[in-house]
Amino acid sequence: MNLSVDEDEHSLEMTLPYVAKIMEEYKNNFRIVPVMVGSLTPEKEIKYGTIFSPYLADPSNLFVISSDFCHWGNRFRYTYYDASKGNIHQSIQYLDKIGMDIVESLNPVAFIDYLKQYGNTICGRHPIGILLNAAKNLPDNEWKRLSLRFLKYAQSNQCMSHHDSSVSYASASLISQ
């Protein structure tokens, strides 16, 4: 990774303090293996999903995927707005909810189709795609036991006009039941 990419990248430095806090009582009993994911083709998401699938199947592993959801506004060069959904912030929430529902379905092809259709600016779309493909590559009896649910959703700003901007945040949990 070159210096400018390293200086712009912030997902790991934002995630590690949360992981450290949550895992505090186990601090000497685990290792962190950070994996930085850049821009990938769907074929590469499938390839890396296949590689990570056995690790996802191992209950001693914890995966943390860091991503914002919609980056909306002129400064992000993304202003999708469906007025039938209400105010801009409601349209953004509706758009994100479609994506979150697809992620919960663990369907990597549907997620790619969603991104193509709406162009939603989900910065962690490729790590999410890898996770979905890792899940898809599990044996059916293991895949059927997976449950991904979004736990919290928020927006940095309730956009009311095209002069506003906002970033959406969502947290989810993937467990095997």
Protein backbone atom coordinates (compact mmCIF):
# COMPACT_ATOMS: atom_id res chain seq x y z
CA MET A 1 0.00 0.00 0.00
CA ASN A 2 1.49 3.35 -0.95
CA LEU A 3 1.72 6.26 1.51
CA SER A 4 -1.26 8.25 0.20
CA VAL A 5 -3.55 5.20 0.33
CA ASP A 6 -2.29 4.41 3.84
CA GLU A 7 -2.94 7.98 4.99
CA ASP A 8 -6.46 7.99 3.50
CA GLU A 9 -7.36 4.56 4.87
CA HIS A 10 -9.07 4.70 8.25
CA SER A 11 -11.21 1.59 8.64
CA LEU A 12 -8.64 -0.37 10.62
CA GLU A 13 -7.72 2.46 12.97
CA MET A 14 -11.41 3.13 13.58
CA THR A 15 -12.25 -0.53 14.20
CA LEU A 16 -9.37 -1.67 16.41
CA PRO A 17 -10.32 0.37 19.51
CA TYR A 18 -13.81 -1.20 19.48
CA VAL A 19 -12.41 -4.69 19.06
CA ALA A 20 -9.89 -4.03 21.85
CA LYS A 21 -12.66 -2.85 24.20
CA ILE A 22 -14.99 -5.75 23.46
CA MET A 23 -12.20 -8.33 23.73
CA GLU A 24 -10.54 -6.70 26.76
CA GLU A 25 -10.96 -9.68 29.10
CA TYR A 26 -9.46 -11.99 26.45
CA LYS A 27 -6.58 -9.68 25.50
CA ASN A 28 -3.87 -12.33 25.78
CA ASN A 29 -5.91 -15.12 24.21
CA PHE A 30 -6.44 -14.04 20.62
CA ARG A 31 -4.64 -12.68 17.59
CA ILE A 32 -5.81 -10.09 15.11
CA VAL A 33 -5.13 -10.73 11.46
CA PRO A 34 -6.07 -7.53 9.61
CA VAL A 35 -7.04 -7.93 5.99
CA MET A 36 -7.36 -4.75 3.95
CA VAL A 37 -9.63 -5.07 0.93
CA GLY A 38 -9.53 -2.62 -1.93
CA SER A 39 -11.58 -2.45 -5.10
CA LEU A 40 -12.34 -5.92 -6.44
CA THR A 41 -14.23 -7.48 -9.30
CA PRO A 42 -17.09 -9.83 -8.44
CA GLU A 43 -14.85 -12.70 -9.57
CA LYS A 44 -12.18 -11.71 -7.03
CA GLU A 45 -14.85 -11.45 -4.31
CA ILE A 46 -15.81 -15.04 -5.14
CA LYS A 47 -12.15 -16.12 -5.08
CA TYR A 48 -11.43 -14.52 -1.70
CA GLY A 49 -14.77 -15.72 -0.33
CA THR A 50 -13.71 -19.25 -1.21
CA ILE A 51 -10.39 -18.75 0.58
CA PHE A 52 -12.03 -17.34 3.72
CA SER A 53 -14.93 -19.82 3.84
CA PRO A 54 -13.14 -22.49 5.94
CA TYR A 55 -12.16 -19.80 8.46
CA LEU A 56 -15.74 -18.56 8.61
CA ALA A 57 -16.83 -22.14 9.35
CA ASP A 58 -14.46 -22.32 12.32
CA PRO A 59 -16.33 -21.04 15.42
CA SER A 60 -13.06 -19.98 17.06
CA ASN A 61 -12.71 -17.19 14.47
CA LEU A 62 -14.36 -13.79 14.61
CA PHE A 63 -14.72 -11.68 11.48
CA VAL A 64 -15.14 -7.91 11.76
CA ILE A 65 -16.17 -6.24 8.51
CA SER A 66 -16.00 -2.46 8.62
CA SER A 67 -18.16 -0.38 6.29
CA ASP A 68 -20.31 2.70 6.21
CA PHE A 69 -23.41 2.61 4.06
CA CYS A 70 -24.66 5.44 1.82
CA HIS A 71 -22.45 8.50 1.40
CA TRP A 72 -24.99 11.01 0.13
CA GLY A 73 -24.50 14.55 -1.14
CA ASN A 74 -22.68 16.56 -3.75
CA ARG A 75 -19.37 16.21 -1.94
CA PHE A 76 -19.68 12.43 -2.38
CA ARG A 77 -20.94 12.79 -5.98
CA TYR A 78 -23.99 10.70 -5.08
CA THR A 79 -27.46 12.23 -4.84
CA TYR A 80 -29.90 9.41 -5.60
CA TYR A 81 -33.33 10.55 -4.42
CA ASP A 82 -36.71 8.82 -4.72
CA ALA A 83 -39.24 11.51 -3.77
CA SER A 84 -41.97 8.87 -3.38
CA LYS A 85 -40.19 7.75 -0.18
CA GLY A 86 -40.50 11.17 1.51
CA ASN A 87 -37.71 13.53 2.44
CA ILE A 88 -34.18 12.89 1.21
CA HIS A 89 -33.10 11.21 4.46
CA GLN A 90 -36.09 8.85 4.19
CA SER A 91 -35.12 7.99 0.61
CA ILE A 92 -31.56 7.28 1.78
CA GLN A 93 -32.86 5.05 4.58
CA TYR A 94 -35.11 3.20 2.13
CA LEU A 95 -32.17 2.70 -0.24
CA ASP A 96 -29.93 1.44 2.57
CA LYS A 97 -32.70 -0.85 3.86
CA ILE A 98 -32.95 -2.54 0.46
CA GLY A 99 -29.21 -3.22 0.61
CA MET A 100 -29.32 -4.37 4.23
CA ASP A 101 -32.17 -6.78 3.45
CA ILE A 102 -30.12 -8.26 0.63
CA VAL A 103 -27.05 -8.59 2.85
CA GLU A 104 -29.22 -10.35 5.45
CA SER A 105 -30.29 -12.82 2.75
CA LEU A 106 -26.59 -13.75 2.31
CA ASN A 107 -26.97 -13.52 -1.48
CA PRO A 108 -23.81 -12.14 -3.11
CA VAL A 109 -25.29 -11.99 -6.62
CA ALA A 110 -28.32 -9.99 -5.43
CA PHE A 111 -25.96 -7.61 -3.58
CA ILE A 112 -23.94 -6.99 -6.77
CA ASP A 113 -27.17 -6.42 -8.70
CA TYR A 114 -28.34 -3.93 -6.05
CA LEU A 115 -25.06 -2.01 -6.27
CA LYS A 116 -25.31 -1.91 -10.07
CA GLN A 117 -28.92 -0.76 -9.99
CA TYR A 118 -28.58 1.99 -7.39
CA GLY A 119 -24.86 2.78 -7.32
CA ASN A 120 -25.06 3.09 -3.54
CA THR A 121 -21.75 4.33 -2.15
CA ILE A 122 -21.17 1.58 0.40
CA CYS A 123 -17.43 1.88 0.97
CA GLY A 124 -17.08 -1.67 2.34
CA ARG A 125 -19.05 -3.28 -0.47
CA HIS A 126 -16.11 -5.51 -1.42
CA PRO A 127 -15.42 -6.88 2.10
CA ILE A 128 -19.19 -7.43 2.41
CA GLY A 129 -19.11 -9.24 -0.94
CA ILE A 130 -16.26 -11.45 0.28
CA LEU A 131 -18.20 -12.30 3.44
CA LEU A 132 -21.33 -13.15 1.44
CA ASN A 133 -19.28 -15.37 -0.87
CA ALA A 134 -17.54 -17.03 2.08
CA ALA A 135 -20.95 -17.85 3.52
CA LYS A 136 -22.20 -19.09 0.14
CA ASN A 137 -19.22 -21.46 -0.09
CA LEU A 138 -20.06 -23.21 3.17
CA PRO A 139 -21.69 -26.64 2.98
CA ASP A 140 -25.50 -26.32 2.85
CA ASN A 141 -25.96 -27.65 6.39
CA GLU A 142 -23.65 -24.89 7.72
CA TRP A 143 -24.97 -22.12 5.43
CA LYS A 144 -28.56 -22.80 6.51
CA ARG A 145 -27.58 -22.25 10.17
CA LEU A 146 -26.26 -18.73 9.47
CA SER A 147 -28.28 -15.72 10.49
CA LEU A 148 -27.18 -12.20 9.60
CA ARG A 149 -29.20 -9.41 11.20
CA PHE A 150 -28.67 -5.67 11.23
CA LEU A 151 -28.73 -4.37 14.78
CA LYS A 152 -28.49 -0.60 14.43
CA TYR A 153 -28.82 2.00 11.69
CA ALA A 154 -28.17 5.73 11.81
CA GLN A 155 -27.38 8.68 9.55
CA SER A 156 -24.92 11.45 10.34
CA ASN A 157 -27.44 14.03 9.12
CA GLN A 158 -31.12 14.08 8.25
CA CYS A 159 -30.83 15.47 4.70
CA MET A 160 -33.68 17.73 3.67
CA SER A 161 -32.14 19.50 0.66
CA HIS A 162 -29.61 18.84 -2.07
CA HIS A 163 -27.20 21.13 -0.21
CA ASP A 164 -26.99 18.65 2.68
CA SER A 165 -24.78 15.60 3.01
CA SER A 166 -24.88 12.46 5.11
CA VAL A 167 -23.16 9.16 5.79
CA SER A 168 -25.18 6.15 6.89
CA TYR A 169 -23.91 3.73 9.51
CA ALA A 170 -25.14 0.21 10.15
CA SER A 171 -24.02 -2.63 12.39
CA ALA A 172 -24.86 -6.27 11.88
CA SER A 173 -24.12 -9.62 13.42
CA LEU A 174 -23.63 -12.93 11.65
CA ILE A 175 -24.09 -15.97 13.86
CA SER A 176 -24.45 -19.68 13.38
CA GLN A 177 -27.52 -21.08 15.11
